[in-house]
PDB file of N, CA and C in Angstrom:
ATOM      1  N   MET A   1      51.740  -0.854 -47.459  1.00  0.00           N
ATOM      2  CA  MET A   1      51.757  -1.209 -46.056  1.00  0.00           C
ATOM      3  C   MET A   1      52.798  -0.391 -45.312  1.00  0.00           C
ATOM      4  N   HIS A   2      53.962  -0.186 -45.910  1.00  0.00           N
ATOM      5  CA  HIS A   2      55.014   0.610 -45.283  1.00  0.00           C
ATOM      6  C   HIS A   2      54.536   2.033 -45.019  1.00  0.00           C
ATOM      7  N   THR A   3      53.744   2.571 -45.933  1.00  0.00           N
ATOM      8  CA  THR A   3      53.225   3.932 -45.765  1.00  0.00           C
ATOM      9  C   THR A   3      52.298   3.998 -44.567  1.00  0.00           C
ATOM     10  N   GLN A   4      51.472   2.985 -44.382  1.00  0.00           N
ATOM     11  CA  GLN A   4      50.546   2.962 -43.243  1.00  0.00           C
ATOM     12  C   GLN A   4      51.309   2.882 -41.923  1.00  0.00           C
ATOM     13  N   ILE A   5      52.362   2.087 -41.872  1.00  0.00           N
ATOM     14  CA  ILE A   5      53.173   1.981 -40.657  1.00  0.00           C
ATOM     15  C   ILE A   5      53.820   3.322 -40.347  1.00  0.00           C
ATOM     16  N   LEU A   6      54.349   3.989 -41.369  1.00  0.00           N
ATOM     17  CA  LEU A   6      54.967   5.294 -41.168  1.00  0.00           C
ATOM     18  C   LEU A   6      53.941   6.309 -40.688  1.00  0.00           C
ATOM     19  N   LYS A   7      52.749   6.275 -41.264  1.00  0.00           N
ATOM     20  CA  LYS A   7      51.684   7.196 -40.855  1.00  0.00           C
ATOM     21  C   LYS A   7      51.309   6.941 -39.395  1.00  0.00           C
ATOM     22  N   ASN A   8      51.157   5.682 -39.013  1.00  0.00           N
ATOM     23  CA  ASN A   8      50.824   5.348 -37.626  1.00  0.00           C
ATOM     24  C   ASN A   8      51.931   5.782 -36.674  1.00  0.00           C
ATOM     25  N   SER A   9      53.186   5.646 -37.091  1.00  0.00           N
ATOM     26  CA  SER A   9      54.303   6.081 -36.261  1.00  0.00           C
ATOM     27  C   SER A   9      54.266   7.577 -36.037  1.00  0.00           C
ATOM     28  N   ARG A  10      53.935   8.308 -37.068  1.00  0.00           N
ATOM     29  CA  ARG A  10      53.866   9.770 -36.937  1.00  0.00           C
ATOM     30  C   ARG A  10      52.716  10.186 -36.037  1.00  0.00           C
ATOM     31  N   ILE A  11      51.583   9.525 -36.156  1.00  0.00           N
ATOM     32  CA  ILE A  11      50.446   9.836 -35.282  1.00  0.00           C
ATOM     33  C   ILE A  11      50.806   9.533 -33.833  1.00  0.00           C
ATOM     34  N   LEU A  12      51.452   8.405 -33.600  1.00  0.00           N
ATOM     35  CA  LEU A  12      51.881   8.044 -32.253  1.00  0.00           C
ATOM     36  C   LEU A  12      52.883   9.058 -31.706  1.00  0.00           C
ATOM     37  N   ALA A  13      53.820   9.485 -32.539  1.00  0.00           N
ATOM     38  CA  ALA A  13      54.814  10.472 -32.107  1.00  0.00           C
ATOM     39  C   ALA A  13      54.143  11.801 -31.779  1.00  0.00           C
ATOM     40  N   LEU A  14      53.184  12.225 -32.595  1.00  0.00           N
ATOM     41  CA  LEU A  14      52.480  13.470 -32.314  1.00  0.00           C
ATOM     42  C   LEU A  14      51.706  13.372 -31.007  1.00  0.00           C
ATOM     43  N   GLY A  15      51.092  12.225 -30.769  1.00  0.00           N
ATOM     44  CA  GLY A  15      50.396  12.020 -29.503  1.00  0.00           C
ATOM     45  C   GLY A  15      51.340  12.091 -28.322  1.00  0.00           C
ATOM     46  N   ALA A  16      52.533  11.539 -28.480  1.00  0.00           N
ATOM     47  CA  ALA A  16      53.534  11.605 -27.411  1.00  0.00           C
ATOM     48  C   ALA A  16      53.978  13.036 -27.168  1.00  0.00           C
ATOM     49  N   VAL A  17      54.144  13.807 -28.243  1.00  0.00           N
ATOM     50  CA  VAL A  17      54.517  15.222 -28.110  1.00  0.00           C
ATOM     51  C   VAL A  17      53.460  15.962 -27.305  1.00  0.00           C
ATOM     52  N   VAL A  18      52.221  15.763 -27.657  1.00  0.00           N
ATOM     53  CA  VAL A  18      51.128  16.451 -26.957  1.00  0.00           C
ATOM     54  C   VAL A  18      51.086  16.027 -25.492  1.00  0.00           C
ATOM     55  N   ALA A  19      51.176  14.743 -25.225  1.00  0.00           N
ATOM     56  CA  ALA A  19      51.102  14.254 -23.846  1.00  0.00           C
ATOM     57  C   ALA A  19      52.251  14.783 -22.987  1.00  0.00           C
ATOM     58  N   LEU A  20      53.468  14.725 -23.508  1.00  0.00           N
ATOM     59  CA  LEU A  20      54.610  15.220 -22.742  1.00  0.00           C
ATOM     60  C   LEU A  20      54.549  16.728 -22.551  1.00  0.00           C
ATOM     61  N   THR A  21      54.092  17.430 -23.564  1.00  0.00           N
ATOM     62  CA  THR A  21      53.994  18.881 -23.453  1.00  0.00           C
ATOM     63  C   THR A  21      52.969  19.271 -22.413  1.00  0.00           C
ATOM     64  N   VAL A  22      51.829  18.605 -22.416  1.00  0.00           N
ATOM     65  CA  VAL A  22      50.803  18.890 -21.410  1.00  0.00           C
ATOM     66  C   VAL A  22      51.340  18.587 -20.016  1.00  0.00           C
ATOM     67  N   ALA A  23      52.042  17.485 -19.875  1.00  0.00           N
ATOM     68  CA  ALA A  23      52.560  17.101 -18.563  1.00  0.00           C
ATOM     69  C   ALA A  23      53.605  18.074 -18.047  1.00  0.00           C
ATOM     70  N   LEU A  24      54.424  18.609 -18.935  1.00  0.00           N
ATOM     71  CA  LEU A  24      55.517  19.462 -18.491  1.00  0.00           C
ATOM     72  C   LEU A  24      55.243  20.956 -18.625  1.00  0.00           C
ATOM     73  N   ALA A  25      54.150  21.320 -19.246  1.00  0.00           N
ATOM     74  CA  ALA A  25      53.847  22.745 -19.425  1.00  0.00           C
ATOM     75  C   ALA A  25      53.486  23.424 -18.117  1.00  0.00           C
ATOM     76  N   GLY A  26      53.211  22.648 -17.085  1.00  0.00           N
ATOM     77  CA  GLY A  26      52.867  23.227 -15.795  1.00  0.00           C
ATOM     78  C   GLY A  26      54.065  23.756 -15.030  1.00  0.00           C
ATOM     79  N   CYS A  27      55.255  23.607 -15.546  1.00  0.00           N
ATOM     80  CA  CYS A  27      56.449  24.110 -14.867  1.00  0.00           C
ATOM     81  C   CYS A  27      56.456  25.627 -14.933  1.00  0.00           C
ATOM     82  N   GLY A  28      56.350  26.274 -13.800  1.00  0.00           N
ATOM     83  CA  GLY A  28      56.354  27.728 -13.728  1.00  0.00           C
ATOM     84  C   GLY A  28      55.151  28.213 -12.952  1.00  0.00           C
ATOM     85  N   THR A  29      55.269  29.388 -12.393  1.00  0.00           N
ATOM     86  CA  THR A  29      54.174  29.915 -11.591  1.00  0.00           C
ATOM     87  C   THR A  29      53.344  30.948 -12.335  1.00  0.00           C
ATOM     88  N   THR A  30      53.934  31.642 -13.280  1.00  0.00           N
ATOM     89  CA  THR A  30      53.175  32.633 -14.039  1.00  0.00           C
ATOM     90  C   THR A  30      52.825  32.070 -15.411  1.00  0.00           C
ATOM     91  N   THR A  31      51.868  32.707 -16.045  1.00  0.00           N
ATOM     92  CA  THR A  31      51.468  32.270 -17.382  1.00  0.00           C
ATOM     93  C   THR A  31      52.648  32.326 -18.347  1.00  0.00           C
ATOM     94  N   GLY A  32      53.426  33.377 -18.275  1.00  0.00           N
ATOM     95  CA  GLY A  32      54.585  33.518 -19.158  1.00  0.00           C
ATOM     96  C   GLY A  32      55.626  32.440 -18.935  1.00  0.00           C
ATOM     97  N   GLU A  33      55.882  32.105 -17.670  1.00  0.00           N
ATOM     98  CA  GLU A  33      56.849  31.044 -17.362  1.00  0.00           C
ATOM     99  C   GLU A  33      56.370  29.700 -17.875  1.00  0.00           C
ATOM    100  N   ARG A  34      55.079  29.417 -17.702  1.00  0.00           N
ATOM    101  CA  ARG A  34      54.543  28.141 -18.187  1.00  0.00           C
ATOM    102  C   ARG A  34      54.557  28.094 -19.707  1.00  0.00           C
ATOM    103  N   ALA A  35      54.243  29.204 -20.360  1.00  0.00           N
ATOM    104  CA  ALA A  35      54.285  29.236 -21.830  1.00  0.00           C
ATOM    105  C   ALA A  35      55.709  29.034 -22.331  1.00  0.00           C
ATOM    106  N   THR A  36      56.664  29.659 -21.673  1.00  0.00           N
ATOM    107  CA  THR A  36      58.066  29.534 -22.080  1.00  0.00           C
ATOM    108  C   THR A  36      58.585  28.121 -21.859  1.00  0.00           C
ATOM    109  N   SER A  37      58.321  27.546 -20.683  1.00  0.00           N
ATOM    110  CA  SER A  37      58.797  26.188 -20.427  1.00  0.00           C
ATOM    111  C   SER A  37      58.083  25.191 -21.330  1.00  0.00           C
ATOM    112  N   GLY A  38      56.809  25.411 -21.556  1.00  0.00           N
ATOM    113  CA  GLY A  38      56.064  24.531 -22.458  1.00  0.00           C
ATOM    114  C   GLY A  38      56.599  24.593 -23.875  1.00  0.00           C
ATOM    115  N   ALA A  39      56.951  25.799 -24.330  1.00  0.00           N
ATOM    116  CA  ALA A  39      57.507  25.955 -25.679  1.00  0.00           C
ATOM    117  C   ALA A  39      58.840  25.231 -25.806  1.00  0.00           C
ATOM    118  N   GLY A  40      59.683  25.360 -24.802  1.00  0.00           N
ATOM    119  CA  GLY A  40      60.990  24.699 -24.850  1.00  0.00           C
ATOM    120  C   GLY A  40      60.877  23.192 -24.851  1.00  0.00           C
ATOM    121  N   VAL A  41      60.052  22.678 -23.965  1.00  0.00           N
ATOM    122  CA  VAL A  41      59.864  21.232 -23.888  1.00  0.00           C
ATOM    123  C   VAL A  41      59.193  20.722 -25.155  1.00  0.00           C
ATOM    124  N   GLY A  42      58.175  21.435 -25.610  1.00  0.00           N
ATOM    125  CA  GLY A  42      57.465  21.024 -26.817  1.00  0.00           C
ATOM    126  C   GLY A  42      58.361  21.010 -28.040  1.00  0.00           C
ATOM    127  N   ALA A  43      59.216  22.018 -28.159  1.00  0.00           N
ATOM    128  CA  ALA A  43      60.135  22.079 -29.299  1.00  0.00           C
ATOM    129  C   ALA A  43      61.115  20.908 -29.268  1.00  0.00           C
ATOM    130  N   ALA A  44      61.633  20.606 -28.094  1.00  0.00           N
ATOM    131  CA  ALA A  44      62.583  19.492 -27.978  1.00  0.00           C
ATOM    132  C   ALA A  44      61.913  18.156 -28.293  1.00  0.00           C
ATOM    133  N   VAL A  45      60.734  17.947 -27.745  1.00  0.00           N
ATOM    134  CA  VAL A  45      60.022  16.691 -27.986  1.00  0.00           C
ATOM    135  C   VAL A  45      59.583  16.599 -29.448  1.00  0.00           C
ATOM    136  N   GLY A  46      59.108  17.707 -30.003  1.00  0.00           N
ATOM    137  CA  GLY A  46      58.688  17.710 -31.405  1.00  0.00           C
ATOM    138  C   GLY A  46      59.837  17.417 -32.351  1.00  0.00           C
ATOM    139  N   ALA A  47      60.988  18.008 -32.088  1.00  0.00           N
ATOM    140  CA  ALA A  47      62.157  17.755 -32.929  1.00  0.00           C
ATOM    141  C   ALA A  47      62.603  16.301 -32.809  1.00  0.00           C
ATOM    142  N   GLY A  48      62.591  15.784 -31.593  1.00  0.00           N
ATOM    143  CA  GLY A  48      62.978  14.391 -31.385  1.00  0.00           C
ATOM    144  C   GLY A  48      62.020  13.425 -32.054  1.00  0.00           C
ATOM    145  N   ALA A  49      60.728  13.695 -31.928  1.00  0.00           N
ATOM    146  CA  ALA A  49      59.737  12.820 -32.560  1.00  0.00           C
ATOM    147  C   ALA A  49      59.859  12.860 -34.076  1.00  0.00           C
ATOM    148  N   ALA A  50      60.108  14.045 -34.628  1.00  0.00           N
ATOM    149  CA  ALA A  50      60.266  14.160 -36.082  1.00  0.00           C
ATOM    150  C   ALA A  50      61.514  13.410 -36.548  1.00  0.00           C
ATOM    151  N   ALA A  51      62.580  13.488 -35.773  1.00  0.00           N
ATOM    152  CA  ALA A  51      63.811  12.791 -36.144  1.00  0.00           C
ATOM    153  C   ALA A  51      63.607  11.280 -36.137  1.00  0.00           C
ATOM    154  N   VAL A  52      62.880  10.786 -35.161  1.00  0.00           N
ATOM    155  CA  VAL A  52      62.642   9.347 -35.045  1.00  0.00           C
ATOM    156  C   VAL A  52      61.741   8.842 -36.171  1.00  0.00           C
ATOM    157  N   THR A  53      60.755   9.652 -36.553  1.00  0.00           N
ATOM    158  CA  THR A  53      59.792   9.211 -37.561  1.00  0.00           C
ATOM    159  C   THR A  53      60.199   9.588 -38.979  1.00  0.00           C
ATOM    160  N   GLY A  54      61.333  10.256 -39.140  1.00  0.00           N
ATOM    161  CA  GLY A  54      61.795  10.621 -40.473  1.00  0.00           C
ATOM    162  C   GLY A  54      61.196  11.903 -41.010  1.00  0.00           C
ATOM    163  N   GLY A  55      60.575  12.677 -40.152  1.00  0.00           N
ATOM    164  CA  GLY A  55      59.981  13.941 -40.576  1.00  0.00           C
ATOM    165  C   GLY A  55      60.983  15.070 -40.514  1.00  0.00           C
ATOM    166  N   SER A  56      60.503  16.268 -40.777  1.00  0.00           N
ATOM    167  CA  SER A  56      61.337  17.464 -40.713  1.00  0.00           C
ATOM    168  C   SER A  56      61.553  17.851 -39.252  1.00  0.00           C
ATOM    169  N   VAL A  57      62.797  17.880 -38.814  1.00  0.00           N
ATOM    170  CA  VAL A  57      63.118  18.223 -37.431  1.00  0.00           C
ATOM    171  C   VAL A  57      62.702  19.658 -37.122  1.00  0.00           C
ATOM    172  N   VAL A  58      62.933  20.561 -38.070  1.00  0.00           N
ATOM    173  CA  VAL A  58      62.557  21.965 -37.855  1.00  0.00           C
ATOM    174  C   VAL A  58      61.049  22.091 -37.725  1.00  0.00           C
ATOM    175  N   GLN A  59      60.328  21.448 -38.612  1.00  0.00           N
ATOM    176  CA  GLN A  59      58.865  21.505 -38.553  1.00  0.00           C
ATOM    177  C   GLN A  59      58.359  20.887 -37.250  1.00  0.00           C
ATOM    178  N   GLY A  60      58.942  19.784 -36.826  1.00  0.00           N
ATOM    179  CA  GLY A  60      58.562  19.163 -35.568  1.00  0.00           C
ATOM    180  C   GLY A  60      58.807  20.081 -34.385  1.00  0.00           C
ATOM    181  N   ALA A  61      59.947  20.775 -34.408  1.00  0.00           N
ATOM    182  CA  ALA A  61      60.259  21.712 -33.320  1.00  0.00           C
ATOM    183  C   ALA A  61      59.277  22.873 -33.291  1.00  0.00           C
ATOM    184  N   VAL A  62      58.938  23.398 -34.458  1.00  0.00           N
ATOM    185  CA  VAL A  62      58.002  24.530 -34.526  1.00  0.00           C
ATOM    186  C   VAL A  62      56.614  24.115 -34.041  1.00  0.00           C
ATOM    187  N   ILE A  63      56.142  22.975 -34.513  1.00  0.00           N
ATOM    188  CA  ILE A  63      54.817  22.506 -34.094  1.00  0.00           C
ATOM    189  C   ILE A  63      54.818  22.187 -32.599  1.00  0.00           C
ATOM    190  N   GLY A  64      55.813  21.465 -32.145  1.00  0.00           N
ATOM    191  CA  GLY A  64      55.901  21.130 -30.723  1.00  0.00           C
ATOM    192  C   GLY A  64      56.020  22.363 -29.842  1.00  0.00           C
ATOM    193  N   GLY A  65      56.811  23.332 -30.282  1.00  0.00           N
ATOM    194  CA  GLY A  65      56.943  24.574 -29.526  1.00  0.00           C
ATOM    195  C   GLY A  65      55.637  25.334 -29.444  1.00  0.00           C
ATOM    196  N   GLY A  66      54.917  25.363 -30.545  1.00  0.00           N
ATOM    197  CA  GLY A  66      53.619  26.052 -30.548  1.00  0.00           C
ATOM    198  C   GLY A  66      52.607  25.385 -29.646  1.00  0.00           C
ATOM    199  N   VAL A  67      52.552  24.050 -29.713  1.00  0.00           N
ATOM    200  CA  VAL A  67      51.629  23.304 -28.854  1.00  0.00           C
ATOM    201  C   VAL A  67      52.012  23.485 -27.389  1.00  0.00           C
ATOM    202  N   GLY A  68      53.296  23.425 -27.106  1.00  0.00           N
ATOM    203  CA  GLY A  68      53.759  23.581 -25.726  1.00  0.00           C
ATOM    204  C   GLY A  68      53.489  24.965 -25.168  1.00  0.00           C
ATOM    205  N   ALA A  69      53.741  25.992 -25.969  1.00  0.00           N
ATOM    206  CA  ALA A  69      53.486  27.362 -25.514  1.00  0.00           C
ATOM    207  C   ALA A  69      52.003  27.585 -25.268  1.00  0.00           C
ATOM    208  N   ALA A  70      51.175  27.112 -26.180  1.00  0.00           N
ATOM    209  CA  ALA A  70      49.728  27.281 -26.022  1.00  0.00           C
ATOM    210  C   ALA A  70      49.220  26.537 -24.792  1.00  0.00           C
ATOM    211  N   THR A  71      49.726  25.328 -24.587  1.00  0.00           N
ATOM    212  CA  THR A  71      49.304  24.542 -23.431  1.00  0.00           C
ATOM    213  C   THR A  71      49.755  25.201 -22.136  1.00  0.00           C
ATOM    214  N   GLY A  72      50.992  25.667 -22.107  1.00  0.00           N
ATOM    215  CA  GLY A  72      51.491  26.342 -20.909  1.00  0.00           C
ATOM    216  C   GLY A  72      50.724  27.609 -20.599  1.00  0.00           C
ATOM    217  N   ALA A  73      50.374  28.370 -21.625  1.00  0.00           N
ATOM    218  CA  ALA A  73      49.631  29.610 -21.416  1.00  0.00           C
ATOM    219  C   ALA A  73      48.196  29.333 -20.992  1.00  0.00           C
ATOM    220  N   ALA A  74      47.635  28.200 -21.406  1.00  0.00           N
ATOM    221  CA  ALA A  74      46.236  27.887 -21.118  1.00  0.00           C
ATOM    222  C   ALA A  74      46.039  27.254 -19.742  1.00  0.00           C
ATOM    223  N   THR A  75      47.121  26.871 -19.081  1.00  0.00           N
ATOM    224  CA  THR A  75      47.001  26.233 -17.769  1.00  0.00           C
ATOM    225  C   THR A  75      47.371  27.225 -16.682  1.00  0.00           C
ATOM    226  N   ASP A  76      46.964  26.911 -15.476  1.00  0.00           N
ATOM    227  CA  ASP A  76      47.456  27.691 -14.337  1.00  0.00           C
ATOM    228  C   ASP A  76      48.148  26.734 -13.377  1.00  0.00           C
ATOM    229  N   LYS A  77      48.781  27.278 -12.363  1.00  0.00           N
ATOM    230  CA  LYS A  77      49.609  26.442 -11.498  1.00  0.00           C
ATOM    231  C   LYS A  77      48.809  25.370 -10.768  1.00  0.00           C
ATOM    232  N   ASP A  78      47.500  25.537 -10.645  1.00  0.00           N
ATOM    233  CA  ASP A  78      46.675  24.536  -9.980  1.00  0.00           C
ATOM    234  C   ASP A  78      46.234  23.410 -10.914  1.00  0.00           C
ATOM    235  N   ASP A  79      46.290  23.653 -12.240  1.00  0.00           N
ATOM    236  CA  ASP A  79      45.885  22.626 -13.213  1.00  0.00           C
ATOM    237  C   ASP A  79      46.869  21.457 -13.216  1.00  0.00           C
ATOM    238  N   ILE A  80      48.139  21.767 -13.230  1.00  0.00           N
ATOM    239  CA  ILE A  80      49.187  20.739 -13.291  1.00  0.00           C
ATOM    240  C   ILE A  80      50.202  21.051 -12.210  1.00  0.00           C
ATOM    241  N   ASN A  81      50.284  20.195 -11.215  1.00  0.00           N
ATOM    242  CA  ASN A  81      51.214  20.418 -10.110  1.00  0.00           C
ATOM    243  C   ASN A  81      52.157  19.225 -10.058  1.00  0.00           C
ATOM    244  N   LEU A  82      53.411  19.446 -10.422  1.00  0.00           N
ATOM    245  CA  LEU A  82      54.374  18.348 -10.460  1.00  0.00           C
ATOM    246  C   LEU A  82      55.096  18.139  -9.128  1.00  0.00           C
ATOM    247  N   GLU A  83      54.745  18.887  -8.136  1.00  0.00           N
ATOM    248  CA  GLU A  83      55.412  18.746  -6.833  1.00  0.00           C
ATOM    249  C   GLU A  83      54.778  17.712  -5.979  1.00  0.00           C
TER     250      GLU A  83
END
């Protein structure tokens, strides 16, 4: 049962990483700026989620950074407008 709770926590944390990265990857006007900001935010959220769930912080940062960079590069300034 403990393993299932841990697995569910990790899935929830990964979902939070993706949601926050998508929400914040729109920061920037050019594709490069959005990819860079998305990578930074994703890495921070991924590392934090991994730390909370007992996973590898480095692995969480790498995965979160990759998801954030890809999301930022795939969006344009009209897709996500935080203003």
